[in-house]
Amino acid sequence: MSALDSSSDDFVSSFLLKPGSSLNPTFLLVLDGAFAALLCIFISLLFLLSGSLHIVALIGIELCLWASVKWFVNELKSPQSQTGGQAHTEANPENEAKKIQ
């Protein structure tokens, strides 16, 4: 059992928790699976508790969080955010002086 635990710890630490892993398709799939599982739990609680207002609020919060994470990942993937750094270096006065020379 400990060999299984150590292999899963190695997977998490070496693959999912390294810098830049937020755009990894495997990480995004695990994240979507976690949000989907949480939504299924909330929906089942909604039926078990006869439509509790608190569960409806939690479902709304969970869906907003899921949507904001998807939006953030799409912003990271967009080419405009990648060119934003280049635009900053072009506006650098040192680069302007080099262009003039």
C-alpha atoms as a PDB file:
ATOM      1  CA  MET A   1       0.000   0.000   0.000  1.00  0.00           C
ATOM      2  CA  SER A   2       2.853   2.416   0.729  1.00  0.00           C
ATOM      3  CA  ALA A   3       4.305   1.895  -2.761  1.00  0.00           C
ATOM      4  CA  LEU A   4       0.995   3.028  -4.223  1.00  0.00           C
ATOM      5  CA  ASP A   5       0.927   6.070  -1.964  1.00  0.00           C
ATOM      6  CA  SER A   6       4.466   7.087  -2.861  1.00  0.00           C
ATOM      7  CA  SER A   7       3.825   6.713  -6.594  1.00  0.00           C
ATOM      8  CA  SER A   8       0.732   8.917  -6.401  1.00  0.00           C
ATOM      9  CA  ASP A   9       2.656  11.476  -4.341  1.00  0.00           C
ATOM     10  CA  ASP A  10       5.413  11.491  -6.963  1.00  0.00           C
ATOM     11  CA  PHE A  11       2.826  11.991  -9.706  1.00  0.00           C
ATOM     12  CA  VAL A  12       1.232  14.922  -7.924  1.00  0.00           C
ATOM     13  CA  SER A  13       4.476  16.618  -6.965  1.00  0.00           C
ATOM     14  CA  SER A  14       6.415  16.047 -10.168  1.00  0.00           C
ATOM     15  CA  PHE A  15       3.666  16.387 -12.770  1.00  0.00           C
ATOM     16  CA  LEU A  16       0.763  18.462 -11.504  1.00  0.00           C
ATOM     17  CA  LEU A  17       2.414  20.882  -9.102  1.00  0.00           C
ATOM     18  CA  LYS A  18       5.254  22.242 -11.200  1.00  0.00           C
ATOM     19  CA  PRO A  19       5.223  25.804 -12.572  1.00  0.00           C
ATOM     20  CA  GLY A  20       3.113  26.164 -15.691  1.00  0.00           C
ATOM     21  CA  SER A  21       1.095  23.042 -15.002  1.00  0.00           C
ATOM     22  CA  SER A  22      -2.165  25.003 -14.937  1.00  0.00           C
ATOM     23  CA  LEU A  23      -2.288  24.761 -18.733  1.00  0.00           C
ATOM     24  CA  ASN A  24      -1.553  21.037 -18.782  1.00  0.00           C
ATOM     25  CA  PRO A  25      -4.526  19.135 -20.289  1.00  0.00           C
ATOM     26  CA  THR A  26      -4.263  16.420 -17.629  1.00  0.00           C
ATOM     27  CA  PHE A  27      -4.444  18.994 -14.844  1.00  0.00           C
ATOM     28  CA  LEU A  28      -7.433  20.671 -16.486  1.00  0.00           C
ATOM     29  CA  LEU A  29      -9.170  17.303 -16.849  1.00  0.00           C
ATOM     30  CA  VAL A  30      -8.606  16.507 -13.158  1.00  0.00           C
ATOM     31  CA  LEU A  31      -9.871  19.956 -12.221  1.00  0.00           C
ATOM     32  CA  ASP A  32     -13.004  19.584 -14.352  1.00  0.00           C
ATOM     33  CA  GLY A  33     -13.584  16.144 -12.836  1.00  0.00           C
ATOM     34  CA  ALA A  34     -13.364  17.579  -9.329  1.00  0.00           C
ATOM     35  CA  PHE A  35     -15.839  20.347 -10.165  1.00  0.00           C
ATOM     36  CA  ALA A  36     -18.189  17.846 -11.827  1.00  0.00           C
ATOM     37  CA  ALA A  37     -18.032  15.520  -8.811  1.00  0.00           C
ATOM     38  CA  LEU A  38     -18.775  18.423  -6.478  1.00  0.00           C
ATOM     39  CA  LEU A  39     -21.728  19.439  -8.642  1.00  0.00           C
ATOM     40  CA  CYS A  40     -23.079  15.875  -8.571  1.00  0.00           C
ATOM     41  CA  ILE A  41     -22.807  15.828  -4.790  1.00  0.00           C
ATOM     42  CA  PHE A  42     -24.642  19.135  -4.505  1.00  0.00           C
ATOM     43  CA  ILE A  43     -27.392  18.011  -6.880  1.00  0.00           C
ATOM     44  CA  SER A  44     -27.878  14.786  -4.938  1.00  0.00           C
ATOM     45  CA  LEU A  45     -28.027  16.801  -1.698  1.00  0.00           C
ATOM     46  CA  LEU A  46     -30.585  19.077  -3.332  1.00  0.00           C
ATOM     47  CA  PHE A  47     -32.898  16.110  -3.907  1.00  0.00           C
ATOM     48  CA  LEU A  48     -32.181  14.515  -0.529  1.00  0.00           C
ATOM     49  CA  LEU A  49     -32.842  17.720   1.402  1.00  0.00           C
ATOM     50  CA  SER A  50     -35.987  18.603  -0.584  1.00  0.00           C
ATOM     51  CA  GLY A  51     -34.658  21.686  -2.332  1.00  0.00           C
ATOM     52  CA  SER A  52     -32.826  23.441   0.480  1.00  0.00           C
ATOM     53  CA  LEU A  53     -32.065  27.050  -0.348  1.00  0.00           C
ATOM     54  CA  HIS A  54     -28.561  26.656   1.082  1.00  0.00           C
ATOM     55  CA  ILE A  55     -27.732  23.877  -1.377  1.00  0.00           C
ATOM     56  CA  VAL A  56     -29.061  25.976  -4.265  1.00  0.00           C
ATOM     57  CA  ALA A  57     -26.753  28.797  -3.146  1.00  0.00           C
ATOM     58  CA  LEU A  58     -23.805  26.389  -2.942  1.00  0.00           C
ATOM     59  CA  ILE A  59     -24.558  25.112  -6.452  1.00  0.00           C
ATOM     60  CA  GLY A  60     -24.553  28.701  -7.714  1.00  0.00           C
ATOM     61  CA  ILE A  61     -21.255  29.434  -5.980  1.00  0.00           C
ATOM     62  CA  GLU A  62     -19.709  26.245  -7.362  1.00  0.00           C
ATOM     63  CA  LEU A  63     -20.846  27.013 -10.912  1.00  0.00           C
ATOM     64  CA  CYS A  64     -19.498  30.575 -10.670  1.00  0.00           C
ATOM     65  CA  LEU A  65     -16.167  29.287  -9.384  1.00  0.00           C
ATOM     66  CA  TRP A  66     -15.986  26.699 -12.172  1.00  0.00           C
ATOM     67  CA  ALA A  67     -16.787  29.351 -14.790  1.00  0.00           C
ATOM     68  CA  SER A  68     -14.189  31.758 -13.388  1.00  0.00           C
ATOM     69  CA  VAL A  69     -11.502  29.065 -13.448  1.00  0.00           C
ATOM     70  CA  LYS A  70     -12.370  28.208 -17.073  1.00  0.00           C
ATOM     71  CA  TRP A  71     -12.294  31.896 -17.996  1.00  0.00           C
ATOM     72  CA  PHE A  72      -8.915  32.378 -16.303  1.00  0.00           C
ATOM     73  CA  VAL A  73      -7.392  29.377 -18.085  1.00  0.00           C
ATOM     74  CA  ASN A  74      -8.703  30.654 -21.423  1.00  0.00           C
ATOM     75  CA  GLU A  75      -7.139  34.039 -20.696  1.00  0.00           C
ATOM     76  CA  LEU A  76      -3.820  32.338 -19.996  1.00  0.00           C
ATOM     77  CA  LYS A  77      -4.056  30.490 -23.296  1.00  0.00           C
ATOM     78  CA  SER A  78      -5.039  33.520 -25.370  1.00  0.00           C
ATOM     79  CA  PRO A  79      -2.353  34.951 -27.672  1.00  0.00           C
ATOM     80  CA  GLN A  80      -3.182  38.484 -26.563  1.00  0.00           C
ATOM     81  CA  SER A  81      -1.892  37.770 -23.046  1.00  0.00           C
ATOM     82  CA  GLN A  82       1.328  36.388 -24.535  1.00  0.00           C
ATOM     83  CA  THR A  83       1.889  39.482 -26.675  1.00  0.00           C
ATOM     84  CA  GLY A  84       1.169  41.735 -23.696  1.00  0.00           C
ATOM     85  CA  GLY A  85       4.679  41.138 -22.417  1.00  0.00           C
ATOM     86  CA  GLN A  86       6.168  41.940 -25.815  1.00  0.00           C
ATOM     87  CA  ALA A  87       4.273  45.209 -26.012  1.00  0.00           C
ATOM     88  CA  HIS A  88       5.778  46.195 -22.660  1.00  0.00           C
ATOM     89  CA  THR A  89       9.323  45.574 -23.895  1.00  0.00           C
ATOM     90  CA  GLU A  90       8.681  47.551 -27.083  1.00  0.00           C
ATOM     91  CA  ALA A  91       7.644  50.581 -25.039  1.00  0.00           C
ATOM     92  CA  ASN A  92      10.908  50.425 -23.100  1.00  0.00           C
ATOM     93  CA  PRO A  93      12.967  53.628 -23.625  1.00  0.00           C
ATOM     94  CA  GLU A  94      16.155  51.601 -24.073  1.00  0.00           C
ATOM     95  CA  ASN A  95      14.615  49.808 -27.055  1.00  0.00           C
ATOM     96  CA  GLU A  96      13.529  53.146 -28.511  1.00  0.00           C
ATOM     97  CA  ALA A  97      17.105  54.455 -28.248  1.00  0.00           C
ATOM     98  CA  LYS A  98      18.422  51.321 -29.972  1.00  0.00           C
ATOM     99  CA  LYS A  99      15.907  51.752 -32.825  1.00  0.00           C
ATOM    100  CA  ILE A 100      17.013  55.330 -33.408  1.00  0.00           C
ATOM    101  CA  GLN A 101      20.704  54.404 -33.604  1.00  0.00           C
END
